[in-house]
Amino acid sequence: MDQTDLFVPIKRCCTCNENLSTKRGQTIVLVKILVLAIIPIIVLVIQGGITIAEDNNQVVTQHKVEADIKFSVEIGLLVHNLQIERGTTSMYVSSGRMDILSVVQSKRTMTDISLNALGKWISLSTPGYFRSRNTFFQRLREYRNTFDSLNKSSSEVIKFYSYDMDVILDWLGSIITNAKYVTETSWQPLIAYHMILLSKNKLGWKEPLVECILRKVMISDL
């Protein structure tokens, strides 16, 4: 047998050379052109969709952080009023409960106004009374109502207010840190604002004598 008979002839099919004179050939060439044109369009659409999704996520995140920053300013005002209430209350105690109770009550009113003006609440899981604005206010109100009967000392007053403000300022610090890494918002003034509030709070916690002097100056200007 001739060895050439062992090979089976193979019919080669090449779609690269179509007969354009026929309807079938023209259709195949048109399909090829459409496929070549559609592929980069599909790639661009996919890339555009990914870019839009990323931009949307970034915008949502930025809006959230900006809202948190705005809220942190409101919280800062609450802390400021709590610090003033702490100062006047401690002054009231350390002075032998002199006739400045009306001043203490007016500062409590300012604290309540700043608390009610908050657009939302920080909703911390611990301590438990931080879970809602109502529970926080209820605890503060109970302390005020039983303040005289408990015969608290000046240092105990400072401790009560300072602990809550430490919790709030820790949360405020985390918000400012997020603003630093997530948005291009100028966060340096926020850090300065946070440090001022933190320093004032630590002054009341660590240096009651110095704060007492400051309170006397403050009350003399009322």
C-alpha atoms as a PDB file:
ATOM      1  CA  MET A   1       0.000   0.000   0.000  1.00  0.00           C
ATOM      2  CA  ASP A   2       1.206   3.452  -0.815  1.00  0.00           C
ATOM      3  CA  GLN A   3       2.034   5.381   2.337  1.00  0.00           C
ATOM      4  CA  THR A   4       0.295   8.444   0.946  1.00  0.00           C
ATOM      5  CA  ASP A   5      -3.020   6.587   1.273  1.00  0.00           C
ATOM      6  CA  LEU A   6      -2.648   6.666   5.062  1.00  0.00           C
ATOM      7  CA  PHE A   7      -3.266  10.383   5.180  1.00  0.00           C
ATOM      8  CA  VAL A   8      -6.845  11.525   5.216  1.00  0.00           C
ATOM      9  CA  PRO A   9      -7.330  14.728   3.324  1.00  0.00           C
ATOM     10  CA  ILE A  10      -8.475  17.562   5.566  1.00  0.00           C
ATOM     11  CA  LYS A  11     -10.679  20.261   4.278  1.00  0.00           C
ATOM     12  CA  ARG A  12      -9.306  23.525   5.588  1.00  0.00           C
ATOM     13  CA  CYS A  13     -11.828  26.073   6.619  1.00  0.00           C
ATOM     14  CA  CYS A  14     -10.636  29.634   6.834  1.00  0.00           C
ATOM     15  CA  THR A  15     -13.015  32.389   7.692  1.00  0.00           C
ATOM     16  CA  CYS A  16     -10.445  35.019   6.995  1.00  0.00           C
ATOM     17  CA  ASN A  17     -10.939  34.905   3.269  1.00  0.00           C
ATOM     18  CA  GLU A  18     -14.616  35.158   2.573  1.00  0.00           C
ATOM     19  CA  ASN A  19     -16.067  35.704  -0.843  1.00  0.00           C
ATOM     20  CA  LEU A  20     -17.481  39.209  -0.687  1.00  0.00           C
ATOM     21  CA  SER A  21     -19.388  38.637  -3.882  1.00  0.00           C
ATOM     22  CA  THR A  22     -21.793  36.370  -2.046  1.00  0.00           C
ATOM     23  CA  LYS A  23     -24.455  37.338   0.486  1.00  0.00           C
ATOM     24  CA  ARG A  24     -23.015  34.912   3.032  1.00  0.00           C
ATOM     25  CA  GLY A  25     -19.536  36.335   2.726  1.00  0.00           C
ATOM     26  CA  GLN A  26     -20.752  39.870   3.141  1.00  0.00           C
ATOM     27  CA  THR A  27     -22.727  38.897   6.235  1.00  0.00           C
ATOM     28  CA  ILE A  28     -19.717  37.200   7.835  1.00  0.00           C
ATOM     29  CA  VAL A  29     -17.486  40.194   7.205  1.00  0.00           C
ATOM     30  CA  LEU A  30     -20.126  42.520   8.656  1.00  0.00           C
ATOM     31  CA  VAL A  31     -20.388  40.379  11.778  1.00  0.00           C
ATOM     32  CA  LYS A  32     -16.596  40.482  12.172  1.00  0.00           C
ATOM     33  CA  ILE A  33     -16.578  44.258  11.910  1.00  0.00           C
ATOM     34  CA  LEU A  34     -19.379  44.596  14.440  1.00  0.00           C
ATOM     35  CA  VAL A  35     -17.634  42.258  16.884  1.00  0.00           C
ATOM     36  CA  LEU A  36     -14.374  44.192  16.591  1.00  0.00           C
ATOM     37  CA  ALA A  37     -16.257  47.452  17.157  1.00  0.00           C
ATOM     38  CA  ILE A  38     -18.383  46.180  20.060  1.00  0.00           C
ATOM     39  CA  ILE A  39     -15.534  44.681  22.117  1.00  0.00           C
ATOM     40  CA  PRO A  40     -13.819  47.995  22.983  1.00  0.00           C
ATOM     41  CA  ILE A  41     -17.232  49.569  23.599  1.00  0.00           C
ATOM     42  CA  ILE A  42     -18.076  46.836  26.090  1.00  0.00           C
ATOM     43  CA  VAL A  43     -14.696  47.311  27.777  1.00  0.00           C
ATOM     44  CA  LEU A  44     -15.264  51.061  28.031  1.00  0.00           C
ATOM     45  CA  VAL A  45     -18.769  50.548  29.424  1.00  0.00           C
ATOM     46  CA  ILE A  46     -17.430  48.163  32.079  1.00  0.00           C
ATOM     47  CA  GLN A  47     -14.625  50.545  32.995  1.00  0.00           C
ATOM     48  CA  GLY A  48     -17.064  53.439  33.138  1.00  0.00           C
ATOM     49  CA  GLY A  49     -19.418  51.473  35.366  1.00  0.00           C
ATOM     50  CA  ILE A  50     -16.592  50.601  37.754  1.00  0.00           C
ATOM     51  CA  THR A  51     -15.441  54.227  37.840  1.00  0.00           C
ATOM     52  CA  ILE A  52     -18.973  55.492  38.498  1.00  0.00           C
ATOM     53  CA  ALA A  53     -19.464  52.952  41.285  1.00  0.00           C
ATOM     54  CA  GLU A  54     -16.172  53.944  42.915  1.00  0.00           C
ATOM     55  CA  ASP A  55     -16.963  57.646  42.594  1.00  0.00           C
ATOM     56  CA  ASN A  56     -20.432  57.097  44.022  1.00  0.00           C
ATOM     57  CA  ASN A  57     -19.002  55.220  46.999  1.00  0.00           C
ATOM     58  CA  GLN A  58     -16.489  57.997  47.537  1.00  0.00           C
ATOM     59  CA  VAL A  59     -19.204  60.668  47.393  1.00  0.00           C
ATOM     60  CA  VAL A  60     -21.403  58.743  49.824  1.00  0.00           C
ATOM     61  CA  THR A  61     -18.471  58.263  52.188  1.00  0.00           C
ATOM     62  CA  GLN A  62     -17.477  61.908  51.944  1.00  0.00           C
ATOM     63  CA  HIS A  63     -21.021  63.091  52.640  1.00  0.00           C
ATOM     64  CA  LYS A  64     -21.197  60.808  55.659  1.00  0.00           C
ATOM     65  CA  VAL A  65     -17.909  62.076  57.031  1.00  0.00           C
ATOM     66  CA  GLU A  66     -18.918  65.692  56.408  1.00  0.00           C
ATOM     67  CA  ALA A  67     -22.167  65.048  58.265  1.00  0.00           C
ATOM     68  CA  ASP A  68     -20.165  63.511  61.107  1.00  0.00           C
ATOM     69  CA  ILE A  69     -17.907  66.549  61.174  1.00  0.00           C
ATOM     70  CA  LYS A  70     -20.911  68.857  61.388  1.00  0.00           C
ATOM     71  CA  PHE A  71     -22.315  66.707  64.164  1.00  0.00           C
ATOM     72  CA  SER A  72     -18.955  66.749  65.955  1.00  0.00           C
ATOM     73  CA  VAL A  73     -19.151  70.540  66.088  1.00  0.00           C
ATOM     74  CA  GLU A  74     -22.602  70.263  67.675  1.00  0.00           C
ATOM     75  CA  ILE A  75     -21.254  67.696  70.132  1.00  0.00           C
ATOM     76  CA  GLY A  76     -18.382  70.058  70.882  1.00  0.00           C
ATOM     77  CA  LEU A  77     -20.886  72.733  71.887  1.00  0.00           C
ATOM     78  CA  LEU A  78     -22.556  70.231  74.211  1.00  0.00           C
ATOM     79  CA  VAL A  79     -19.190  69.400  75.771  1.00  0.00           C
ATOM     80  CA  HIS A  80     -18.442  73.112  76.165  1.00  0.00           C
ATOM     81  CA  ASN A  81     -21.720  73.673  78.014  1.00  0.00           C
ATOM     82  CA  LEU A  82     -21.167  70.586  80.139  1.00  0.00           C
ATOM     83  CA  GLN A  83     -17.768  71.944  81.089  1.00  0.00           C
ATOM     84  CA  ILE A  84     -19.298  75.263  82.120  1.00  0.00           C
ATOM     85  CA  GLU A  85     -22.009  73.443  84.076  1.00  0.00           C
ATOM     86  CA  ARG A  86     -19.338  71.338  85.746  1.00  0.00           C
ATOM     87  CA  GLY A  87     -17.386  74.467  86.664  1.00  0.00           C
ATOM     88  CA  THR A  88     -20.299  76.391  88.129  1.00  0.00           C
ATOM     89  CA  THR A  89     -21.591  73.327  89.977  1.00  0.00           C
ATOM     90  CA  SER A  90     -18.185  72.610  91.465  1.00  0.00           C
ATOM     91  CA  MET A  91     -17.837  76.258  92.391  1.00  0.00           C
ATOM     92  CA  TYR A  92     -21.247  76.117  94.035  1.00  0.00           C
ATOM     93  CA  VAL A  93     -20.123  73.146  96.150  1.00  0.00           C
ATOM     94  CA  SER A  94     -16.638  74.386  96.994  1.00  0.00           C
ATOM     95  CA  SER A  95     -18.000  77.781  98.096  1.00  0.00           C
ATOM     96  CA  GLY A  96     -20.245  76.178 100.689  1.00  0.00           C
ATOM     97  CA  ARG A  97     -23.299  76.426  98.419  1.00  0.00           C
ATOM     98  CA  MET A  98     -23.235  80.184  98.253  1.00  0.00           C
ATOM     99  CA  ASP A  99     -26.055  82.038  96.558  1.00  0.00           C
ATOM    100  CA  ILE A 100     -25.156  81.216  92.939  1.00  0.00           C
ATOM    101  CA  LEU A 101     -27.707  78.473  92.444  1.00  0.00           C
ATOM    102  CA  SER A 102     -29.485  80.611  89.856  1.00  0.00           C
ATOM    103  CA  VAL A 103     -26.243  80.725  87.847  1.00  0.00           C
ATOM    104  CA  VAL A 104     -25.926  76.945  88.079  1.00  0.00           C
ATOM    105  CA  GLN A 105     -29.504  76.524  86.879  1.00  0.00           C
ATOM    106  CA  SER A 106     -28.960  78.879  83.940  1.00  0.00           C
ATOM    107  CA  LYS A 107     -25.898  76.865  82.872  1.00  0.00           C
ATOM    108  CA  ARG A 108     -27.913  73.666  83.135  1.00  0.00           C
ATOM    109  CA  THR A 109     -30.475  75.228  80.825  1.00  0.00           C
ATOM    110  CA  MET A 110     -27.765  76.000  78.273  1.00  0.00           C
ATOM    111  CA  THR A 111     -26.604  72.381  78.460  1.00  0.00           C
ATOM    112  CA  ASP A 112     -30.159  71.156  77.880  1.00  0.00           C
ATOM    113  CA  ILE A 113     -30.563  73.466  74.886  1.00  0.00           C
ATOM    114  CA  SER A 114     -27.359  72.208  73.241  1.00  0.00           C
ATOM    115  CA  LEU A 115     -28.372  68.621  73.977  1.00  0.00           C
ATOM    116  CA  ASN A 116     -31.818  69.040  72.412  1.00  0.00           C
ATOM    117  CA  ALA A 117     -30.326  70.855  69.410  1.00  0.00           C
ATOM    118  CA  LEU A 118     -28.322  67.798  68.346  1.00  0.00           C
ATOM    119  CA  GLY A 119     -29.396  66.438  64.976  1.00  0.00           C
ATOM    120  CA  LYS A 120     -28.658  62.885  66.110  1.00  0.00           C
ATOM    121  CA  TRP A 121     -26.925  61.024  68.895  1.00  0.00           C
ATOM    122  CA  ILE A 122     -23.590  59.212  69.056  1.00  0.00           C
ATOM    123  CA  SER A 123     -25.294  55.956  70.173  1.00  0.00           C
ATOM    124  CA  LEU A 124     -22.379  54.301  71.947  1.00  0.00           C
ATOM    125  CA  SER A 125     -22.972  50.831  73.327  1.00  0.00           C
ATOM    126  CA  THR A 126     -20.982  51.538  76.478  1.00  0.00           C
ATOM    127  CA  PRO A 127     -21.632  53.039  78.940  1.00  0.00           C
ATOM    128  CA  GLY A 128     -25.257  51.943  78.707  1.00  0.00           C
ATOM    129  CA  TYR A 129     -26.724  55.398  79.245  1.00  0.00           C
ATOM    130  CA  PHE A 130     -25.005  56.566  76.039  1.00  0.00           C
ATOM    131  CA  ARG A 131     -27.233  54.361  73.907  1.00  0.00           C
ATOM    132  CA  SER A 132     -29.692  57.198  73.353  1.00  0.00           C
ATOM    133  CA  ARG A 133     -30.009  60.898  74.009  1.00  0.00           C
ATOM    134  CA  ASN A 134     -32.958  60.266  76.338  1.00  0.00           C
ATOM    135  CA  THR A 135     -31.043  57.861  78.577  1.00  0.00           C
ATOM    136  CA  PHE A 136     -28.112  60.263  78.756  1.00  0.00           C
ATOM    137  CA  PHE A 137     -30.361  63.192  79.644  1.00  0.00           C
ATOM    138  CA  GLN A 138     -32.294  61.121  82.184  1.00  0.00           C
ATOM    139  CA  ARG A 139     -29.074  60.225  84.009  1.00  0.00           C
ATOM    140  CA  LEU A 140     -27.922  63.853  83.987  1.00  0.00           C
ATOM    141  CA  ARG A 141     -31.283  65.064  85.244  1.00  0.00           C
ATOM    142  CA  GLU A 142     -31.354  62.487  88.037  1.00  0.00           C
ATOM    143  CA  TYR A 143     -27.910  63.601  89.154  1.00  0.00           C
ATOM    144  CA  ARG A 144     -29.027  67.230  89.217  1.00  0.00           C
ATOM    145  CA  ASN A 145     -32.218  66.451  91.134  1.00  0.00           C
ATOM    146  CA  THR A 146     -30.428  64.445  93.831  1.00  0.00           C
ATOM    147  CA  PHE A 147     -27.345  66.652  93.888  1.00  0.00           C
ATOM    148  CA  ASP A 148     -28.037  68.478  97.156  1.00  0.00           C
ATOM    149  CA  SER A 149     -29.259  65.433  99.053  1.00  0.00           C
ATOM    150  CA  LEU A 150     -26.161  63.441  98.084  1.00  0.00           C
ATOM    151  CA  ASN A 151     -23.888  66.115  99.562  1.00  0.00           C
ATOM    152  CA  LYS A 152     -21.303  65.708  96.816  1.00  0.00           C
ATOM    153  CA  SER A 153     -17.819  67.171  97.065  1.00  0.00           C
ATOM    154  CA  SER A 154     -16.216  69.361  94.421  1.00  0.00           C
ATOM    155  CA  SER A 155     -13.911  66.559  93.249  1.00  0.00           C
ATOM    156  CA  GLU A 156     -16.879  64.176  92.923  1.00  0.00           C
ATOM    157  CA  VAL A 157     -18.716  66.723  90.788  1.00  0.00           C
ATOM    158  CA  ILE A 158     -15.714  67.087  88.511  1.00  0.00           C
ATOM    159  CA  LYS A 159     -15.359  63.316  88.278  1.00  0.00           C
ATOM    160  CA  PHE A 160     -19.020  62.833  87.327  1.00  0.00           C
ATOM    161  CA  TYR A 161     -18.997  65.339  84.472  1.00  0.00           C
ATOM    162  CA  SER A 162     -15.452  64.641  83.285  1.00  0.00           C
ATOM    163  CA  TYR A 163     -15.992  60.921  82.780  1.00  0.00           C
ATOM    164  CA  ASP A 164     -18.915  61.449  80.411  1.00  0.00           C
ATOM    165  CA  MET A 165     -17.025  64.124  78.537  1.00  0.00           C
ATOM    166  CA  ASP A 166     -14.023  61.809  78.178  1.00  0.00           C
ATOM    167  CA  VAL A 167     -16.280  59.284  76.471  1.00  0.00           C
ATOM    168  CA  ILE A 168     -17.703  61.932  74.134  1.00  0.00           C
ATOM    169  CA  LEU A 169     -14.277  63.356  73.300  1.00  0.00           C
ATOM    170  CA  ASP A 170     -12.887  59.906  72.512  1.00  0.00           C
ATOM    171  CA  TRP A 171     -15.687  59.465  69.989  1.00  0.00           C
ATOM    172  CA  LEU A 172     -15.049  62.944  68.618  1.00  0.00           C
ATOM    173  CA  GLY A 173     -11.379  62.077  68.120  1.00  0.00           C
ATOM    174  CA  SER A 174     -12.291  59.008  66.049  1.00  0.00           C
ATOM    175  CA  ILE A 175     -14.543  61.132  63.821  1.00  0.00           C
ATOM    176  CA  ILE A 176     -11.747  63.627  63.184  1.00  0.00           C
ATOM    177  CA  THR A 177      -9.349  60.782  62.386  1.00  0.00           C
ATOM    178  CA  ASN A 178     -11.772  59.447  59.781  1.00  0.00           C
ATOM    179  CA  ALA A 179     -12.079  62.923  58.276  1.00  0.00           C
ATOM    180  CA  LYS A 180      -8.307  63.105  57.986  1.00  0.00           C
ATOM    181  CA  TYR A 181      -7.971  59.924  55.923  1.00  0.00           C
ATOM    182  CA  VAL A 182     -11.250  59.866  53.994  1.00  0.00           C
ATOM    183  CA  THR A 183     -11.906  63.401  52.832  1.00  0.00           C
ATOM    184  CA  GLU A 184      -9.925  66.389  51.679  1.00  0.00           C
ATOM    185  CA  THR A 185     -11.747  68.598  54.149  1.00  0.00           C
ATOM    186  CA  SER A 186      -9.434  70.831  56.131  1.00  0.00           C
ATOM    187  CA  TRP A 187      -9.203  68.762  59.293  1.00  0.00           C
ATOM    188  CA  GLN A 188      -6.426  70.698  61.063  1.00  0.00           C
ATOM    189  CA  PRO A 189      -8.866  73.181  62.680  1.00  0.00           C
ATOM    190  CA  LEU A 190     -10.942  70.232  63.872  1.00  0.00           C
ATOM    191  CA  ILE A 191      -7.898  68.715  65.548  1.00  0.00           C
ATOM    192  CA  ALA A 192      -7.188  72.040  67.248  1.00  0.00           C
ATOM    193  CA  TYR A 193     -10.844  72.262  68.291  1.00  0.00           C
ATOM    194  CA  HIS A 194     -10.716  68.740  69.699  1.00  0.00           C
ATOM    195  CA  MET A 195      -7.472  69.413  71.565  1.00  0.00           C
ATOM    196  CA  ILE A 196      -8.902  72.562  73.165  1.00  0.00           C
ATOM    197  CA  LEU A 197     -11.950  70.661  74.417  1.00  0.00           C
ATOM    198  CA  LEU A 198      -9.767  67.794  75.592  1.00  0.00           C
ATOM    199  CA  SER A 199      -7.379  70.129  77.401  1.00  0.00           C
ATOM    200  CA  LYS A 200     -10.245  71.910  79.145  1.00  0.00           C
ATOM    201  CA  ASN A 201     -11.662  68.581  80.242  1.00  0.00           C
ATOM    202  CA  LYS A 202      -8.324  67.307  81.552  1.00  0.00           C
ATOM    203  CA  LEU A 203      -7.818  70.588  83.369  1.00  0.00           C
ATOM    204  CA  GLY A 204     -11.024  69.981  85.272  1.00  0.00           C
ATOM    205  CA  TRP A 205     -10.069  66.355  85.979  1.00  0.00           C
ATOM    206  CA  LYS A 206      -6.436  66.817  86.985  1.00  0.00           C
ATOM    207  CA  GLU A 207      -6.298  70.354  88.329  1.00  0.00           C
ATOM    208  CA  PRO A 208      -9.393  71.198  90.405  1.00  0.00           C
ATOM    209  CA  LEU A 209      -7.624  74.101  92.097  1.00  0.00           C
ATOM    210  CA  VAL A 210      -6.748  75.786  88.811  1.00  0.00           C
ATOM    211  CA  GLU A 211     -10.267  75.259  87.519  1.00  0.00           C
ATOM    212  CA  CYS A 212     -11.665  76.764  90.693  1.00  0.00           C
ATOM    213  CA  ILE A 213      -9.714  79.941  89.998  1.00  0.00           C
ATOM    214  CA  LEU A 214     -10.986  79.973  86.432  1.00  0.00           C
ATOM    215  CA  ARG A 215     -14.558  79.504  87.619  1.00  0.00           C
ATOM    216  CA  LYS A 216     -14.276  82.444  89.997  1.00  0.00           C
ATOM    217  CA  VAL A 217     -13.094  84.624  87.157  1.00  0.00           C
ATOM    218  CA  MET A 218     -15.914  83.343  84.941  1.00  0.00           C
ATOM    219  CA  ILE A 219     -18.597  83.964  87.558  1.00  0.00           C
ATOM    220  CA  SER A 220     -17.292  87.440  88.264  1.00  0.00           C
ATOM    221  CA  ASP A 221     -17.924  88.268  84.579  1.00  0.00           C
ATOM    222  CA  LEU A 222     -21.516  87.048  84.627  1.00  0.00           C
END
